[in-house]
Amino acid sequence: MVQAYILIQTEVGRASSVAQSIAALEGVAMAEDVTGPYDVIARVEADTVDALGRLVIAKIQDVEGITRTLTCTVVHV
């Protein structure tokens, strides 16, 4: 299982609707509005790195109102 945090910037005033849309996607464990340089942070899970990439590119980045994402993969050292 691959887990990651997706840091998301949105259009002004869209953070709440983006978080709600992302939270409904399969593979998304949680999505919350936050303050700071990012507007939404999502925790996601996928079976493989390739599946994680497909989730981010094909589903999350397709949500209307998103301007930029940054994927931070969880590592266990």
PDB file of N, CA and C in Angstrom:
ATOM      1  N   MET A   1       0.858  -1.182   0.000  1.00  0.00           N
ATOM      2  CA  MET A   1       0.000   0.000   0.000  1.00  0.00           C
ATOM      3  C   MET A   1       0.897   1.236   0.000  1.00  0.00           C
ATOM      4  N   VAL A   2       0.611   2.168  -0.886  1.00  0.00           N
ATOM      5  CA  VAL A   2       1.317   3.443  -0.973  1.00  0.00           C
ATOM      6  C   VAL A   2       0.377   4.517  -0.441  1.00  0.00           C
ATOM      7  N   GLN A   3       0.910   5.347   0.456  1.00  0.00           N
ATOM      8  CA  GLN A   3       0.120   6.430   1.009  1.00  0.00           C
ATOM      9  C   GLN A   3       0.824   7.752   0.699  1.00  0.00           C
ATOM     10  N   ALA A   4       0.029   8.814   0.564  1.00  0.00           N
ATOM     11  CA  ALA A   4       0.604  10.124   0.263  1.00  0.00           C
ATOM     12  C   ALA A   4      -0.322  11.220   0.756  1.00  0.00           C
ATOM     13  N   TYR A   5       0.277  12.371   0.969  1.00  0.00           N
ATOM     14  CA  TYR A   5      -0.482  13.594   1.218  1.00  0.00           C
ATOM     15  C   TYR A   5      -0.438  14.402  -0.066  1.00  0.00           C
ATOM     16  N   ILE A   6      -1.582  14.902  -0.481  1.00  0.00           N
ATOM     17  CA  ILE A   6      -1.659  15.748  -1.661  1.00  0.00           C
ATOM     18  C   ILE A   6      -1.956  17.158  -1.174  1.00  0.00           C
ATOM     19  N   LEU A   7      -1.027  18.076  -1.417  1.00  0.00           N
ATOM     20  CA  LEU A   7      -1.193  19.481  -1.048  1.00  0.00           C
ATOM     21  C   LEU A   7      -1.778  20.183  -2.261  1.00  0.00           C
ATOM     22  N   ILE A   8      -2.883  20.883  -2.064  1.00  0.00           N
ATOM     23  CA  ILE A   8      -3.666  21.393  -3.192  1.00  0.00           C
ATOM     24  C   ILE A   8      -3.889  22.889  -3.068  1.00  0.00           C
ATOM     25  N   GLN A   9      -3.623  23.599  -4.152  1.00  0.00           N
ATOM     26  CA  GLN A   9      -3.986  25.012  -4.250  1.00  0.00           C
ATOM     27  C   GLN A   9      -5.222  25.099  -5.135  1.00  0.00           C
ATOM     28  N   THR A  10      -6.143  25.998  -4.742  1.00  0.00           N
ATOM     29  CA  THR A  10      -7.394  26.127  -5.481  1.00  0.00           C
ATOM     30  C   THR A  10      -7.602  27.570  -5.930  1.00  0.00           C
ATOM     31  N   GLU A  11      -8.561  27.744  -6.789  1.00  0.00           N
ATOM     32  CA  GLU A  11      -9.010  29.089  -7.131  1.00  0.00           C
ATOM     33  C   GLU A  11      -9.605  29.724  -5.877  1.00  0.00           C
ATOM     34  N   VAL A  12      -9.569  31.029  -5.795  1.00  0.00           N
ATOM     35  CA  VAL A  12     -10.088  31.745  -4.635  1.00  0.00           C
ATOM     36  C   VAL A  12     -11.553  31.365  -4.391  1.00  0.00           C
ATOM     37  N   GLY A  13     -11.857  31.020  -3.141  1.00  0.00           N
ATOM     38  CA  GLY A  13     -13.229  30.689  -2.759  1.00  0.00           C
ATOM     39  C   GLY A  13     -13.671  29.280  -3.089  1.00  0.00           C
ATOM     40  N   ARG A  14     -12.765  28.439  -3.587  1.00  0.00           N
ATOM     41  CA  ARG A  14     -13.159  27.090  -4.017  1.00  0.00           C
ATOM     42  C   ARG A  14     -12.690  25.981  -3.076  1.00  0.00           C
ATOM     43  N   ALA A  15     -11.970  26.309  -2.002  1.00  0.00           N
ATOM     44  CA  ALA A  15     -11.376  25.274  -1.150  1.00  0.00           C
ATOM     45  C   ALA A  15     -12.416  24.294  -0.607  1.00  0.00           C
ATOM     46  N   SER A  16     -13.524  24.791  -0.101  1.00  0.00           N
ATOM     47  CA  SER A  16     -14.529  23.919   0.493  1.00  0.00           C
ATOM     48  C   SER A  16     -15.126  22.957  -0.524  1.00  0.00           C
ATOM     49  N   SER A  17     -15.490  23.457  -1.684  1.00  0.00           N
ATOM     50  CA  SER A  17     -16.095  22.578  -2.700  1.00  0.00           C
ATOM     51  C   SER A  17     -15.074  21.583  -3.243  1.00  0.00           C
ATOM     52  N   VAL A  18     -13.828  22.001  -3.373  1.00  0.00           N
ATOM     53  CA  VAL A  18     -12.775  21.089  -3.840  1.00  0.00           C
ATOM     54  C   VAL A  18     -12.566  19.981  -2.806  1.00  0.00           C
ATOM     55  N   ALA A  19     -12.478  20.334  -1.537  1.00  0.00           N
ATOM     56  CA  ALA A  19     -12.284  19.331  -0.483  1.00  0.00           C
ATOM     57  C   ALA A  19     -13.428  18.326  -0.468  1.00  0.00           C
ATOM     58  N   GLN A  20     -14.651  18.793  -0.618  1.00  0.00           N
ATOM     59  CA  GLN A  20     -15.806  17.889  -0.625  1.00  0.00           C
ATOM     60  C   GLN A  20     -15.759  16.950  -1.831  1.00  0.00           C
ATOM     61  N   SER A  21     -15.412  17.473  -2.989  1.00  0.00           N
ATOM     62  CA  SER A  21     -15.337  16.646  -4.202  1.00  0.00           C
ATOM     63  C   SER A  21     -14.245  15.596  -4.081  1.00  0.00           C
ATOM     64  N   ILE A  22     -13.097  15.992  -3.564  1.00  0.00           N
ATOM     65  CA  ILE A  22     -11.979  15.058  -3.433  1.00  0.00           C
ATOM     66  C   ILE A  22     -12.291  13.993  -2.388  1.00  0.00           C
ATOM     67  N   ALA A  23     -12.898  14.373  -1.290  1.00  0.00           N
ATOM     68  CA  ALA A  23     -13.213  13.418  -0.219  1.00  0.00           C
ATOM     69  C   ALA A  23     -14.108  12.288  -0.716  1.00  0.00           C
ATOM     70  N   ALA A  24     -14.902  12.542  -1.736  1.00  0.00           N
ATOM     71  CA  ALA A  24     -15.820  11.538  -2.265  1.00  0.00           C
ATOM     72  C   ALA A  24     -15.142  10.538  -3.209  1.00  0.00           C
ATOM     73  N   LEU A  25     -13.891  10.788  -3.599  1.00  0.00           N
ATOM     74  CA  LEU A  25     -13.201   9.916  -4.547  1.00  0.00           C
ATOM     75  C   LEU A  25     -12.701   8.646  -3.875  1.00  0.00           C
ATOM     76  N   GLU A  26     -12.758   7.533  -4.597  1.00  0.00           N
ATOM     77  CA  GLU A  26     -12.212   6.276  -4.099  1.00  0.00           C
ATOM     78  C   GLU A  26     -10.696   6.408  -3.962  1.00  0.00           C
ATOM     79  N   GLY A  27     -10.174   5.976  -2.835  1.00  0.00           N
ATOM     80  CA  GLY A  27      -8.736   6.059  -2.581  1.00  0.00           C
ATOM     81  C   GLY A  27      -8.354   7.247  -1.717  1.00  0.00           C
ATOM     82  N   VAL A  28      -9.302   8.145  -1.483  1.00  0.00           N
ATOM     83  CA  VAL A  28      -9.044   9.317  -0.645  1.00  0.00           C
ATOM     84  C   VAL A  28      -9.522   9.007   0.771  1.00  0.00           C
ATOM     85  N   ALA A  29      -8.594   9.004   1.718  1.00  0.00           N
ATOM     86  CA  ALA A  29      -8.935   8.709   3.107  1.00  0.00           C
ATOM     87  C   ALA A  29      -9.540   9.927   3.791  1.00  0.00           C
ATOM     88  N   MET A  30      -9.042  11.119   3.451  1.00  0.00           N
ATOM     89  CA  MET A  30      -9.604  12.358   3.998  1.00  0.00           C
ATOM     90  C   MET A  30      -9.136  13.519   3.148  1.00  0.00           C
ATOM     91  N   ALA A  31      -9.923  14.584   3.161  1.00  0.00           N
ATOM     92  CA  ALA A  31      -9.566  15.841   2.490  1.00  0.00           C
ATOM     93  C   ALA A  31     -10.134  16.971   3.333  1.00  0.00           C
ATOM     94  N   GLU A  32      -9.273  17.915   3.708  1.00  0.00           N
ATOM     95  CA  GLU A  32      -9.704  18.994   4.588  1.00  0.00           C
ATOM     96  C   GLU A  32      -9.199  20.340   4.097  1.00  0.00           C
ATOM     97  N   ASP A  33      -9.993  21.383   4.348  1.00  0.00           N
ATOM     98  CA  ASP A  33      -9.573  22.755   4.075  1.00  0.00           C
ATOM     99  C   ASP A  33      -8.524  23.119   5.127  1.00  0.00           C
ATOM    100  N   VAL A  34      -7.493  23.833   4.717  1.00  0.00           N
ATOM    101  CA  VAL A  34      -6.464  24.282   5.652  1.00  0.00           C
ATOM    102  C   VAL A  34      -6.095  25.729   5.341  1.00  0.00           C
ATOM    103  N   THR A  35      -5.345  26.352   6.251  1.00  0.00           N
ATOM    104  CA  THR A  35      -4.832  27.689   6.008  1.00  0.00           C
ATOM    105  C   THR A  35      -3.361  27.579   5.640  1.00  0.00           C
ATOM    106  N   GLY A  36      -2.836  28.629   5.047  1.00  0.00           N
ATOM    107  CA  GLY A  36      -1.432  28.638   4.663  1.00  0.00           C
ATOM    108  C   GLY A  36      -1.290  28.657   3.158  1.00  0.00           C
ATOM    109  N   PRO A  37      -0.126  28.231   2.659  1.00  0.00           N
ATOM    110  CA  PRO A  37       0.117  28.306   1.220  1.00  0.00           C
ATOM    111  C   PRO A  37      -0.719  27.330   0.393  1.00  0.00           C
ATOM    112  N   TYR A  38      -1.280  26.306   1.059  1.00  0.00           N
ATOM    113  CA  TYR A  38      -2.169  25.366   0.374  1.00  0.00           C
ATOM    114  C   TYR A  38      -3.567  25.525   0.941  1.00  0.00           C
ATOM    115  N   ASP A  39      -4.555  25.181   0.138  1.00  0.00           N
ATOM    116  CA  ASP A  39      -5.949  25.369   0.520  1.00  0.00           C
ATOM    117  C   ASP A  39      -6.619  24.089   1.004  1.00  0.00           C
ATOM    118  N   VAL A  40      -6.151  22.956   0.496  1.00  0.00           N
ATOM    119  CA  VAL A  40      -6.716  21.651   0.852  1.00  0.00           C
ATOM    120  C   VAL A  40      -5.564  20.666   0.988  1.00  0.00           C
ATOM    121  N   ILE A  41      -5.656  19.782   1.974  1.00  0.00           N
ATOM    122  CA  ILE A  41      -4.719  18.666   2.085  1.00  0.00           C
ATOM    123  C   ILE A  41      -5.531  17.385   2.089  1.00  0.00           C
ATOM    124  N   ALA A  42      -5.119  16.439   1.243  1.00  0.00           N
ATOM    125  CA  ALA A  42      -5.803  15.144   1.164  1.00  0.00           C
ATOM    126  C   ALA A  42      -4.815  14.036   1.501  1.00  0.00           C
ATOM    127  N   ARG A  43      -5.285  13.037   2.215  1.00  0.00           N
ATOM    128  CA  ARG A  43      -4.483  11.823   2.445  1.00  0.00           C
ATOM    129  C   ARG A  43      -5.079  10.750   1.554  1.00  0.00           C
ATOM    130  N   VAL A  44      -4.219  10.123   0.751  1.00  0.00           N
ATOM    131  CA  VAL A  44      -4.699   9.133  -0.219  1.00  0.00           C
ATOM    132  C   VAL A  44      -3.944   7.824  -0.048  1.00  0.00           C
ATOM    133  N   GLU A  45      -4.552   6.755  -0.541  1.00  0.00           N
ATOM    134  CA  GLU A  45      -3.965   5.423  -0.494  1.00  0.00           C
ATOM    135  C   GLU A  45      -4.184   4.739  -1.832  1.00  0.00           C
ATOM    136  N   ALA A  46      -3.163   3.995  -2.271  1.00  0.00           N
ATOM    137  CA  ALA A  46      -3.268   3.236  -3.519  1.00  0.00           C
ATOM    138  C   ALA A  46      -2.428   1.966  -3.376  1.00  0.00           C
ATOM    139  N   ASP A  47      -2.713   0.996  -4.216  1.00  0.00           N
ATOM    140  CA  ASP A  47      -1.983  -0.275  -4.144  1.00  0.00           C
ATOM    141  C   ASP A  47      -0.544  -0.150  -4.619  1.00  0.00           C
ATOM    142  N   THR A  48      -0.305   0.689  -5.626  1.00  0.00           N
ATOM    143  CA  THR A  48       1.037   0.841  -6.196  1.00  0.00           C
ATOM    144  C   THR A  48       1.313   2.319  -6.472  1.00  0.00           C
ATOM    145  N   VAL A  49       2.572   2.626  -6.755  1.00  0.00           N
ATOM    146  CA  VAL A  49       2.936   3.994  -7.121  1.00  0.00           C
ATOM    147  C   VAL A  49       2.235   4.395  -8.412  1.00  0.00           C
ATOM    148  N   ASP A  50       2.131   3.471  -9.353  1.00  0.00           N
ATOM    149  CA  ASP A  50       1.432   3.775 -10.604  1.00  0.00           C
ATOM    150  C   ASP A  50      -0.040   4.083 -10.353  1.00  0.00           C
ATOM    151  N   ALA A  51      -0.674   3.322  -9.475  1.00  0.00           N
ATOM    152  CA  ALA A  51      -2.077   3.578  -9.144  1.00  0.00           C
ATOM    153  C   ALA A  51      -2.219   4.920  -8.442  1.00  0.00           C
ATOM    154  N   LEU A  52      -1.258   5.272  -7.605  1.00  0.00           N
ATOM    155  CA  LEU A  52      -1.264   6.582  -6.966  1.00  0.00           C
ATOM    156  C   LEU A  52      -1.190   7.685  -8.010  1.00  0.00           C
ATOM    157  N   GLY A  53      -0.305   7.527  -8.975  1.00  0.00           N
ATOM    158  CA  GLY A  53      -0.188   8.511 -10.056  1.00  0.00           C
ATOM    159  C   GLY A  53      -1.478   8.667 -10.830  1.00  0.00           C
ATOM    160  N   ARG A  54      -2.144   7.551 -11.121  1.00  0.00           N
ATOM    161  CA  ARG A  54      -3.419   7.621 -11.843  1.00  0.00           C
ATOM    162  C   ARG A  54      -4.480   8.326 -11.011  1.00  0.00           C
ATOM    163  N   LEU A  55      -4.502   8.064  -9.705  1.00  0.00           N
ATOM    164  CA  LEU A  55      -5.461   8.722  -8.823  1.00  0.00           C
ATOM    165  C   LEU A  55      -5.253  10.236  -8.849  1.00  0.00           C
ATOM    166  N   VAL A  56      -4.017  10.661  -8.740  1.00  0.00           N
ATOM    167  CA  VAL A  56      -3.726  12.095  -8.715  1.00  0.00           C
ATOM    168  C   VAL A  56      -4.014  12.737 -10.062  1.00  0.00           C
ATOM    169  N   ILE A  57      -3.504  12.152 -11.116  1.00  0.00           N
ATOM    170  CA  ILE A  57      -3.610  12.781 -12.440  1.00  0.00           C
ATOM    171  C   ILE A  57      -5.009  12.658 -13.033  1.00  0.00           C
ATOM    172  N   ALA A  58      -5.596  11.475 -12.963  1.00  0.00           N
ATOM    173  CA  ALA A  58      -6.874  11.249 -13.647  1.00  0.00           C
ATOM    174  C   ALA A  58      -8.095  11.637 -12.824  1.00  0.00           C
ATOM    175  N   LYS A  59      -7.961  11.648 -11.501  1.00  0.00           N
ATOM    176  CA  LYS A  59      -9.143  11.928 -10.686  1.00  0.00           C
ATOM    177  C   LYS A  59      -9.024  13.233  -9.922  1.00  0.00           C
ATOM    178  N   ILE A  60      -7.977  13.373  -9.108  1.00  0.00           N
ATOM    179  CA  ILE A  60      -7.870  14.558  -8.263  1.00  0.00           C
ATOM    180  C   ILE A  60      -7.647  15.814  -9.098  1.00  0.00           C
ATOM    181  N   GLN A  61      -6.677  15.787 -10.011  1.00  0.00           N
ATOM    182  CA  GLN A  61      -6.396  16.983 -10.808  1.00  0.00           C
ATOM    183  C   GLN A  61      -7.531  17.338 -11.762  1.00  0.00           C
ATOM    184  N   ASP A  62      -8.470  16.435 -11.931  1.00  0.00           N
ATOM    185  CA  ASP A  62      -9.622  16.682 -12.795  1.00  0.00           C
ATOM    186  C   ASP A  62     -10.737  17.443 -12.081  1.00  0.00           C
ATOM    187  N   VAL A  63     -10.619  17.605 -10.758  1.00  0.00           N
ATOM    188  CA  VAL A  63     -11.636  18.314  -9.980  1.00  0.00           C
ATOM    189  C   VAL A  63     -11.586  19.801 -10.326  1.00  0.00           C
ATOM    190  N   GLU A  64     -12.730  20.353 -10.654  1.00  0.00           N
ATOM    191  CA  GLU A  64     -12.811  21.759 -11.036  1.00  0.00           C
ATOM    192  C   GLU A  64     -12.439  22.659  -9.862  1.00  0.00           C
ATOM    193  N   GLY A  65     -11.598  23.652 -10.132  1.00  0.00           N
ATOM    194  CA  GLY A  65     -11.197  24.612  -9.115  1.00  0.00           C
ATOM    195  C   GLY A  65      -9.774  24.425  -8.619  1.00  0.00           C
ATOM    196  N   ILE A  66      -9.139  23.308  -8.968  1.00  0.00           N
ATOM    197  CA  ILE A  66      -7.759  23.064  -8.551  1.00  0.00           C
ATOM    198  C   ILE A  66      -6.813  23.770  -9.519  1.00  0.00           C
ATOM    199  N   THR A  67      -5.828  24.467  -8.959  1.00  0.00           N
ATOM    200  CA  THR A  67      -4.831  25.135  -9.798  1.00  0.00           C
ATOM    201  C   THR A  67      -3.473  24.441  -9.752  1.00  0.00           C
ATOM    202  N   ARG A  68      -3.166  23.744  -8.632  1.00  0.00           N
ATOM    203  CA  ARG A  68      -1.863  23.089  -8.508  1.00  0.00           C
ATOM    204  C   ARG A  68      -1.918  22.034  -7.415  1.00  0.00           C
ATOM    205  N   THR A  69      -1.160  20.939  -7.627  1.00  0.00           N
ATOM    206  CA  THR A  69      -1.044  19.915  -6.593  1.00  0.00           C
ATOM    207  C   THR A  69       0.428  19.593  -6.354  1.00  0.00           C
ATOM    208  N   LEU A  70       0.709  19.124  -5.155  1.00  0.00           N
ATOM    209  CA  LEU A  70       2.038  18.642  -4.789  1.00  0.00           C
ATOM    210  C   LEU A  70       1.839  17.336  -4.039  1.00  0.00           C
ATOM    211  N   THR A  71       2.431  16.248  -4.538  1.00  0.00           N
ATOM    212  CA  THR A  71       2.263  14.942  -3.932  1.00  0.00           C
ATOM    213  C   THR A  71       3.451  14.641  -3.033  1.00  0.00           C
ATOM    214  N   CYS A  72       3.170  14.309  -1.764  1.00  0.00           N
ATOM    215  CA  CYS A  72       4.197  13.967  -0.782  1.00  0.00           C
ATOM    216  C   CYS A  72       3.956  12.530  -0.340  1.00  0.00           C
ATOM    217  N   THR A  73       4.766  11.611  -0.864  1.00  0.00           N
ATOM    218  CA  THR A  73       4.612  10.194  -0.545  1.00  0.00           C
ATOM    219  C   THR A  73       5.097   9.912   0.864  1.00  0.00           C
ATOM    220  N   VAL A  74       4.331   9.114   1.586  1.00  0.00           N
ATOM    221  CA  VAL A  74       4.700   8.730   2.946  1.00  0.00           C
ATOM    222  C   VAL A  74       5.794   7.667   2.873  1.00  0.00           C
ATOM    223  N   VAL A  75       6.842   7.834   3.674  1.00  0.00           N
ATOM    224  CA  VAL A  75       7.907   6.842   3.753  1.00  0.00           C
ATOM    225  C   VAL A  75       8.051   6.402   5.210  1.00  0.00           C
ATOM    226  N   HIS A  76       8.470   5.186   5.404  1.00  0.00           N
ATOM    227  CA  HIS A  76       8.690   4.648   6.743  1.00  0.00           C
ATOM    228  C   HIS A  76      10.166   4.287   6.850  1.00  0.00           C
ATOM    229  N   VAL A  77      10.915   5.090   7.604  1.00  0.00           N
ATOM    230  CA  VAL A  77      12.361   4.851   7.723  1.00  0.00           C
ATOM    231  C   VAL A  77      12.721   4.383   9.109  1.00  0.00           C
TER     232      VAL A  77
END
